[in-house]
């Protein structure tokens, strides 16, 4: 299977510790990070993705807003520069332990956090990164 993901969620998943907009949102996010931890393929999409799914009944939800679209564009540029691979809708990415470590290191130093400016979760994510990502739920499972 493939996880559909928007670009700024490539950053959010780095610090995800089980907090979110609702119980349904976090339950869904938990399932997604578990899948990603096994190295499941991600398909980059424009607009709402599999993480957004529990919020999509409300067309006024922030997932559809221009500020989030701009956040996606900023995150895509930063991650593309870091990983040296295209990060745009239609592209596929597979996360592995090396990429996860590289992304978290760049996130911790602020190198890929331009998209996070103005985000309501900024302070929480900063604290998690400064603490070296304790209790984050995205963990790469070793291959059998």
N, C-alpha and C. Protein backbone atom coordinates (compact mmCIF):
# COMPACT_ATOMS: atom_id res chain seq x y z
N UNK A 1 0.83 -1.19 0.00
CA UNK A 1 0.00 0.00 0.00
C UNK A 1 0.88 1.25 0.00
N UNK A 2 0.26 2.36 -0.21
CA UNK A 2 0.96 3.63 -0.27
C UNK A 2 0.26 4.64 0.62
N UNK A 3 1.04 5.41 1.36
CA UNK A 3 0.51 6.50 2.17
C UNK A 3 0.54 7.77 1.32
N UNK A 4 -0.60 8.41 1.18
CA UNK A 4 -0.67 9.70 0.50
C UNK A 4 -0.29 10.77 1.52
N UNK A 5 0.71 11.61 1.17
CA UNK A 5 1.19 12.60 2.14
C UNK A 5 1.49 13.93 1.46
N UNK A 6 1.09 15.01 2.12
CA UNK A 6 1.42 16.35 1.63
C UNK A 6 2.78 16.74 2.19
N UNK A 7 3.44 17.66 1.54
CA UNK A 7 4.84 17.95 1.85
C UNK A 7 5.09 18.40 3.28
N UNK A 8 4.25 19.26 3.85
CA UNK A 8 4.59 19.72 5.20
C UNK A 8 4.45 18.62 6.24
N UNK A 9 3.70 17.59 5.95
CA UNK A 9 3.59 16.47 6.89
C UNK A 9 4.88 15.65 6.95
N UNK A 10 5.77 15.83 5.96
CA UNK A 10 7.10 15.22 6.05
C UNK A 10 7.87 15.80 7.24
N UNK A 11 7.54 17.02 7.62
CA UNK A 11 8.16 17.65 8.79
C UNK A 11 7.39 17.28 10.06
N UNK A 12 6.08 17.35 9.99
CA UNK A 12 5.26 17.06 11.18
C UNK A 12 5.51 15.66 11.73
N UNK A 13 5.69 14.70 10.85
CA UNK A 13 5.87 13.32 11.30
C UNK A 13 7.15 13.14 12.11
N UNK A 14 8.11 14.06 11.96
CA UNK A 14 9.38 13.95 12.66
C UNK A 14 9.22 14.13 14.17
N UNK A 15 8.23 14.92 14.58
CA UNK A 15 8.04 15.23 16.00
C UNK A 15 6.71 14.71 16.55
N UNK A 16 6.00 13.94 15.78
CA UNK A 16 4.68 13.47 16.22
C UNK A 16 4.80 12.59 17.46
N UNK A 17 4.12 13.00 18.54
CA UNK A 17 4.16 12.28 19.81
C UNK A 17 2.77 11.85 20.28
N UNK A 18 1.80 11.87 19.38
CA UNK A 18 0.46 11.44 19.75
C UNK A 18 -0.48 12.56 20.11
N UNK A 19 -0.10 13.78 19.83
CA UNK A 19 -0.97 14.93 20.07
C UNK A 19 -1.52 15.38 18.73
N UNK A 20 -2.78 15.85 18.74
CA UNK A 20 -3.39 16.27 17.50
C UNK A 20 -4.70 16.99 17.74
N UNK A 21 -5.47 17.14 16.69
CA UNK A 21 -6.68 17.94 16.72
C UNK A 21 -7.86 17.23 17.38
N UNK A 22 -7.85 15.90 17.41
CA UNK A 22 -8.95 15.13 17.99
C UNK A 22 -8.48 13.70 18.22
N UNK A 23 -9.27 12.95 18.94
CA UNK A 23 -8.95 11.54 19.15
C UNK A 23 -8.91 10.77 17.85
N UNK A 24 -9.84 11.06 16.95
CA UNK A 24 -9.87 10.38 15.65
C UNK A 24 -8.63 10.74 14.83
N UNK A 25 -8.22 11.99 14.91
CA UNK A 25 -7.04 12.43 14.19
C UNK A 25 -5.80 11.69 14.68
N UNK A 26 -5.60 11.61 16.00
CA UNK A 26 -4.40 10.95 16.51
C UNK A 26 -4.44 9.44 16.28
N UNK A 27 -5.61 8.83 16.37
CA UNK A 27 -5.71 7.39 16.10
C UNK A 27 -5.32 7.10 14.65
N UNK A 28 -5.77 7.94 13.74
CA UNK A 28 -5.41 7.79 12.32
C UNK A 28 -3.91 8.02 12.12
N UNK A 29 -3.38 9.07 12.75
CA UNK A 29 -1.96 9.41 12.61
C UNK A 29 -1.09 8.27 13.16
N UNK A 30 -1.51 7.69 14.28
CA UNK A 30 -0.77 6.55 14.85
C UNK A 30 -0.65 5.41 13.84
N UNK A 31 -1.75 5.11 13.15
CA UNK A 31 -1.74 4.04 12.15
C UNK A 31 -0.80 4.37 10.99
N UNK A 32 -0.81 5.63 10.60
CA UNK A 32 0.04 6.04 9.47
C UNK A 32 1.52 5.96 9.84
N UNK A 33 1.91 6.47 11.02
CA UNK A 33 3.34 6.41 11.37
C UNK A 33 3.79 4.97 11.57
N UNK A 34 2.89 4.11 12.01
CA UNK A 34 3.25 2.69 12.12
C UNK A 34 3.55 2.12 10.74
N UNK A 35 2.73 2.46 9.75
CA UNK A 35 2.97 2.01 8.38
C UNK A 35 4.28 2.58 7.83
N UNK A 36 4.51 3.86 8.07
CA UNK A 36 5.74 4.49 7.58
C UNK A 36 6.98 3.89 8.23
N UNK A 37 6.85 3.47 9.47
CA UNK A 37 7.96 2.86 10.19
C UNK A 37 8.40 1.53 9.59
N UNK A 38 7.55 0.94 8.78
CA UNK A 38 7.92 -0.30 8.10
C UNK A 38 8.53 -0.04 6.74
N UNK A 39 8.66 1.25 6.38
CA UNK A 39 9.23 1.59 5.08
C UNK A 39 8.21 1.64 3.98
N UNK A 40 6.93 1.77 4.34
CA UNK A 40 5.89 1.85 3.31
C UNK A 40 6.11 3.09 2.44
N UNK A 41 5.82 2.95 1.20
CA UNK A 41 5.96 3.99 0.19
C UNK A 41 5.03 5.17 0.49
N UNK A 42 5.52 6.39 0.23
CA UNK A 42 4.70 7.59 0.34
C UNK A 42 4.55 8.20 -1.05
N UNK A 43 3.33 8.60 -1.37
CA UNK A 43 3.04 9.34 -2.59
C UNK A 43 2.76 10.77 -2.19
N UNK A 44 3.56 11.70 -2.70
CA UNK A 44 3.35 13.11 -2.39
C UNK A 44 2.14 13.63 -3.15
N UNK A 45 1.27 14.35 -2.43
CA UNK A 45 0.04 14.88 -3.02
C UNK A 45 -0.06 16.37 -2.75
N UNK A 46 -0.85 17.04 -3.57
CA UNK A 46 -1.18 18.44 -3.33
C UNK A 46 -2.49 18.46 -2.56
N UNK A 47 -2.52 19.18 -1.48
CA UNK A 47 -3.74 19.28 -0.70
C UNK A 47 -3.86 18.20 0.34
N UNK A 48 -5.07 18.03 0.89
CA UNK A 48 -5.28 17.08 1.97
C UNK A 48 -4.81 15.67 1.64
N UNK A 49 -4.26 15.00 2.66
CA UNK A 49 -3.68 13.68 2.49
C UNK A 49 -4.29 12.70 3.47
N UNK A 50 -3.67 11.54 3.63
CA UNK A 50 -4.19 10.52 4.53
C UNK A 50 -4.17 10.96 5.99
N UNK A 51 -3.24 11.82 6.37
CA UNK A 51 -3.20 12.33 7.74
C UNK A 51 -4.39 13.25 7.99
N UNK A 52 -4.78 14.01 6.99
CA UNK A 52 -5.89 14.96 7.11
C UNK A 52 -7.27 14.29 7.16
N UNK A 53 -7.37 13.06 6.74
CA UNK A 53 -8.66 12.40 6.52
C UNK A 53 -9.70 12.64 7.62
N UNK A 54 -9.38 12.50 8.92
CA UNK A 54 -10.42 12.70 9.93
C UNK A 54 -10.96 14.13 10.02
N UNK A 55 -10.32 15.08 9.38
CA UNK A 55 -10.74 16.47 9.45
C UNK A 55 -11.53 16.93 8.23
N UNK A 56 -11.64 16.11 7.23
CA UNK A 56 -12.11 16.57 5.93
C UNK A 56 -13.62 16.74 5.78
N UNK A 57 -14.40 16.36 6.76
CA UNK A 57 -15.85 16.56 6.66
C UNK A 57 -16.19 18.05 6.67
N UNK A 58 -15.32 18.85 7.29
CA UNK A 58 -15.52 20.29 7.38
C UNK A 58 -14.72 20.98 6.28
N UNK A 59 -15.39 21.46 5.25
CA UNK A 59 -14.71 22.12 4.12
C UNK A 59 -14.03 23.42 4.54
N UNK A 60 -14.33 23.91 5.72
CA UNK A 60 -13.68 25.12 6.24
C UNK A 60 -12.40 24.77 6.99
N UNK A 61 -12.10 23.49 7.12
CA UNK A 61 -10.92 23.04 7.87
C UNK A 61 -9.66 23.63 7.25
N UNK A 62 -8.66 23.85 8.11
CA UNK A 62 -7.41 24.48 7.66
C UNK A 62 -6.68 23.68 6.58
N UNK A 63 -6.95 22.39 6.48
CA UNK A 63 -6.29 21.54 5.47
C UNK A 63 -6.47 22.06 4.05
N UNK A 64 -7.53 22.83 3.83
CA UNK A 64 -7.84 23.36 2.50
C UNK A 64 -7.32 24.79 2.30
N UNK A 65 -6.78 25.40 3.35
CA UNK A 65 -6.43 26.82 3.31
C UNK A 65 -5.16 27.15 2.55
N UNK A 66 -5.10 28.38 2.09
CA UNK A 66 -3.94 28.87 1.34
C UNK A 66 -2.67 28.83 2.18
N UNK A 67 -2.77 29.13 3.47
CA UNK A 67 -1.57 29.13 4.32
C UNK A 67 -0.96 27.73 4.41
N UNK A 68 -1.78 26.71 4.37
CA UNK A 68 -1.28 25.33 4.43
C UNK A 68 -0.67 24.94 3.08
N UNK A 69 -1.25 25.43 2.01
CA UNK A 69 -0.67 25.18 0.68
C UNK A 69 0.72 25.81 0.61
N UNK A 70 0.85 27.03 1.13
CA UNK A 70 2.16 27.70 1.16
C UNK A 70 3.14 26.95 2.07
N UNK A 71 2.64 26.40 3.17
CA UNK A 71 3.47 25.60 4.08
C UNK A 71 4.00 24.37 3.35
N UNK A 72 3.14 23.74 2.54
CA UNK A 72 3.56 22.59 1.73
C UNK A 72 4.68 22.97 0.77
N UNK A 73 4.51 24.10 0.09
CA UNK A 73 5.52 24.54 -0.88
C UNK A 73 6.86 24.80 -0.21
N UNK A 74 6.83 25.44 0.94
CA UNK A 74 8.07 25.73 1.68
C UNK A 74 8.73 24.44 2.17
N UNK A 75 7.94 23.54 2.70
CA UNK A 75 8.48 22.27 3.19
C UNK A 75 9.06 21.45 2.05
N UNK A 76 8.39 21.44 0.91
CA UNK A 76 8.87 20.67 -0.24
C UNK A 76 10.25 21.16 -0.67
N UNK A 77 10.43 22.46 -0.75
CA UNK A 77 11.72 23.01 -1.15
C UNK A 77 12.81 22.62 -0.16
N UNK A 78 12.53 22.72 1.12
CA UNK A 78 13.53 22.41 2.15
C UNK A 78 13.91 20.94 2.14
N UNK A 79 12.91 20.05 2.08
CA UNK A 79 13.19 18.61 2.11
C UNK A 79 13.86 18.18 0.81
N UNK A 80 13.44 18.75 -0.30
CA UNK A 80 14.06 18.42 -1.58
C UNK A 80 15.55 18.79 -1.56
N UNK A 81 15.85 19.96 -1.03
CA UNK A 81 17.25 20.39 -0.95
C UNK A 81 18.06 19.47 -0.04
N UNK A 82 17.46 19.08 1.07
CA UNK A 82 18.15 18.22 2.03
C UNK A 82 18.40 16.82 1.46
N UNK A 83 17.38 16.21 0.91
CA UNK A 83 17.48 14.82 0.45
C UNK A 83 18.01 14.68 -0.97
N UNK A 84 17.98 15.76 -1.73
CA UNK A 84 18.48 15.70 -3.10
C UNK A 84 17.60 14.87 -4.01
N UNK A 85 16.30 14.89 -3.75
CA UNK A 85 15.37 14.18 -4.61
C UNK A 85 14.11 15.02 -4.73
N UNK A 86 13.38 14.87 -5.83
CA UNK A 86 12.18 15.69 -6.03
C UNK A 86 11.14 15.45 -4.93
N UNK A 87 10.60 16.54 -4.42
CA UNK A 87 9.53 16.48 -3.43
C UNK A 87 8.40 17.33 -4.00
N UNK A 88 7.60 16.70 -4.85
CA UNK A 88 6.48 17.39 -5.48
C UNK A 88 5.37 16.37 -5.72
N UNK A 89 4.13 16.85 -5.90
CA UNK A 89 3.01 15.94 -6.10
C UNK A 89 3.30 14.94 -7.23
N UNK A 90 2.99 13.70 -6.95
CA UNK A 90 3.21 12.61 -7.91
C UNK A 90 4.49 11.85 -7.67
N UNK A 91 5.41 12.43 -6.92
CA UNK A 91 6.67 11.76 -6.60
C UNK A 91 6.46 10.76 -5.46
N UNK A 92 7.29 9.75 -5.44
CA UNK A 92 7.26 8.76 -4.37
C UNK A 92 8.52 8.90 -3.52
N UNK A 93 8.38 8.63 -2.25
CA UNK A 93 9.52 8.64 -1.34
C UNK A 93 9.34 7.48 -0.37
N UNK A 94 10.43 6.81 -0.08
CA UNK A 94 10.42 5.75 0.92
C UNK A 94 11.36 6.18 2.02
N UNK A 95 10.84 6.23 3.21
CA UNK A 95 11.63 6.63 4.37
C UNK A 95 12.43 5.44 4.87
N UNK A 96 13.68 5.69 5.24
CA UNK A 96 14.48 4.66 5.89
C UNK A 96 15.15 5.32 7.09
N UNK A 97 15.85 4.53 7.87
CA UNK A 97 16.47 5.05 9.10
C UNK A 97 17.44 6.19 8.81
N UNK A 98 18.20 6.08 7.73
CA UNK A 98 19.15 7.12 7.37
C UNK A 98 18.48 8.44 7.04
N UNK A 99 17.42 8.39 6.22
CA UNK A 99 16.69 9.61 5.88
C UNK A 99 16.02 10.21 7.10
N UNK A 100 15.44 9.36 7.94
CA UNK A 100 14.79 9.86 9.15
C UNK A 100 15.79 10.57 10.05
N UNK A 101 16.94 9.99 10.24
CA UNK A 101 17.99 10.60 11.06
C UNK A 101 18.44 11.93 10.46
N UNK A 102 18.66 11.94 9.15
CA UNK A 102 19.10 13.15 8.46
C UNK A 102 18.05 14.26 8.57
N UNK A 103 16.79 13.90 8.39
CA UNK A 103 15.73 14.89 8.47
C UNK A 103 15.58 15.43 9.89
N UNK A 104 15.65 14.56 10.87
CA UNK A 104 15.53 15.03 12.25
C UNK A 104 16.70 15.93 12.64
N UNK A 105 17.90 15.60 12.19
CA UNK A 105 19.07 16.45 12.49
C UNK A 105 18.88 17.84 11.88
N UNK A 106 18.41 17.90 10.64
CA UNK A 106 18.19 19.18 9.98
C UNK A 106 17.03 19.94 10.63
N UNK A 107 16.03 19.22 11.08
CA UNK A 107 14.90 19.85 11.77
C UNK A 107 15.37 20.46 13.09
N UNK A 108 16.17 19.71 13.83
CA UNK A 108 16.66 20.17 15.13
C UNK A 108 17.44 21.47 15.00
N UNK A 109 18.26 21.57 13.96
CA UNK A 109 19.09 22.77 13.78
C UNK A 109 18.33 23.90 13.08
N UNK A 110 17.12 23.65 12.64
CA UNK A 110 16.32 24.67 11.97
C UNK A 110 16.50 24.70 10.47
N UNK A 111 17.33 23.84 9.93
CA UNK A 111 17.64 23.85 8.51
C UNK A 111 16.47 23.59 7.58
N UNK A 112 15.44 22.89 8.06
CA UNK A 112 14.29 22.59 7.20
C UNK A 112 12.98 23.04 7.84
N UNK A 113 13.05 24.04 8.71
CA UNK A 113 11.85 24.44 9.46
C UNK A 113 11.19 25.72 8.96
N UNK A 114 11.57 26.23 7.81
CA UNK A 114 10.96 27.46 7.31
C UNK A 114 9.44 27.33 7.23
N UNK A 115 8.95 26.18 6.87
CA UNK A 115 7.51 25.96 6.73
C UNK A 115 6.78 25.98 8.07
N UNK A 116 7.50 25.86 9.15
CA UNK A 116 6.89 25.78 10.48
C UNK A 116 6.55 27.15 11.07
N UNK A 117 7.05 28.21 10.48
CA UNK A 117 6.80 29.55 10.99
C UNK A 117 5.30 29.81 11.00
N UNK A 118 4.78 30.20 12.14
CA UNK A 118 3.36 30.50 12.28
C UNK A 118 2.48 29.30 12.58
N UNK A 119 3.04 28.11 12.63
CA UNK A 119 2.25 26.92 12.93
C UNK A 119 1.89 26.87 14.41
N UNK A 120 0.69 26.48 14.72
CA UNK A 120 0.25 26.40 16.12
C UNK A 120 1.00 25.34 16.92
N UNK A 121 1.66 24.41 16.25
CA UNK A 121 2.39 23.34 16.93
C UNK A 121 3.88 23.66 17.06
N UNK A 122 4.31 24.82 16.63
CA UNK A 122 5.72 25.19 16.57
C UNK A 122 6.44 25.00 17.92
N UNK A 123 5.86 25.50 19.00
CA UNK A 123 6.53 25.41 20.31
C UNK A 123 6.68 23.95 20.75
N UNK A 124 5.65 23.15 20.56
CA UNK A 124 5.73 21.73 20.93
C UNK A 124 6.81 21.03 20.11
N UNK A 125 6.82 21.25 18.81
CA UNK A 125 7.80 20.59 17.95
C UNK A 125 9.22 21.04 18.28
N UNK A 126 9.37 22.30 18.62
CA UNK A 126 10.69 22.82 19.01
C UNK A 126 11.18 22.12 20.27
N UNK A 127 10.32 21.99 21.25
CA UNK A 127 10.70 21.32 22.51
C UNK A 127 11.07 19.86 22.25
N UNK A 128 10.33 19.20 21.39
CA UNK A 128 10.62 17.80 21.07
C UNK A 128 11.97 17.68 20.37
N UNK A 129 12.21 18.55 19.42
CA UNK A 129 13.49 18.52 18.69
C UNK A 129 14.65 18.84 19.62
N UNK A 130 14.49 19.85 20.47
CA UNK A 130 15.56 20.22 21.39
C UNK A 130 15.88 19.10 22.37
N UNK A 131 14.88 18.28 22.69
CA UNK A 131 15.08 17.15 23.59
C UNK A 131 15.56 15.89 22.88
N UNK A 132 15.90 16.00 21.61
CA UNK A 132 16.36 14.89 20.78
C UNK A 132 15.26 13.87 20.48
N UNK A 133 14.05 14.39 20.26
CA UNK A 133 12.91 13.62 19.76
C UNK A 133 12.45 12.49 20.69
N UNK A 134 12.31 12.77 22.00
CA UNK A 134 11.84 11.72 22.91
C UNK A 134 10.37 11.39 22.65
N UNK A 135 10.02 10.15 22.79
CA UNK A 135 8.63 9.68 22.69
C UNK A 135 7.98 9.90 21.33
N UNK A 136 8.78 10.16 20.31
CA UNK A 136 8.17 10.29 18.99
C UNK A 136 7.71 8.92 18.52
N UNK A 137 6.62 8.93 17.78
CA UNK A 137 5.99 7.67 17.40
C UNK A 137 6.49 7.09 16.10
N UNK A 138 7.17 7.90 15.29
CA UNK A 138 7.71 7.37 14.04
C UNK A 138 9.07 6.76 14.34
N UNK A 139 9.12 5.44 14.30
CA UNK A 139 10.34 4.68 14.56
C UNK A 139 10.48 3.69 13.41
N UNK A 140 11.64 3.66 12.82
CA UNK A 140 11.88 2.73 11.72
C UNK A 140 12.10 1.33 12.28
N UNK A 141 11.26 0.42 11.82
CA UNK A 141 11.38 -0.98 12.23
C UNK A 141 12.51 -1.63 11.44
N UNK A 142 13.34 -2.44 12.09
CA UNK A 142 14.40 -3.12 11.34
C UNK A 142 13.81 -4.11 10.35
N UNK A 143 14.48 -4.26 9.22
CA UNK A 143 14.02 -5.24 8.23
C UNK A 143 14.28 -6.64 8.76
N UNK A 144 13.32 -7.56 8.47
CA UNK A 144 13.49 -8.94 8.98
C UNK A 144 14.67 -9.65 8.34
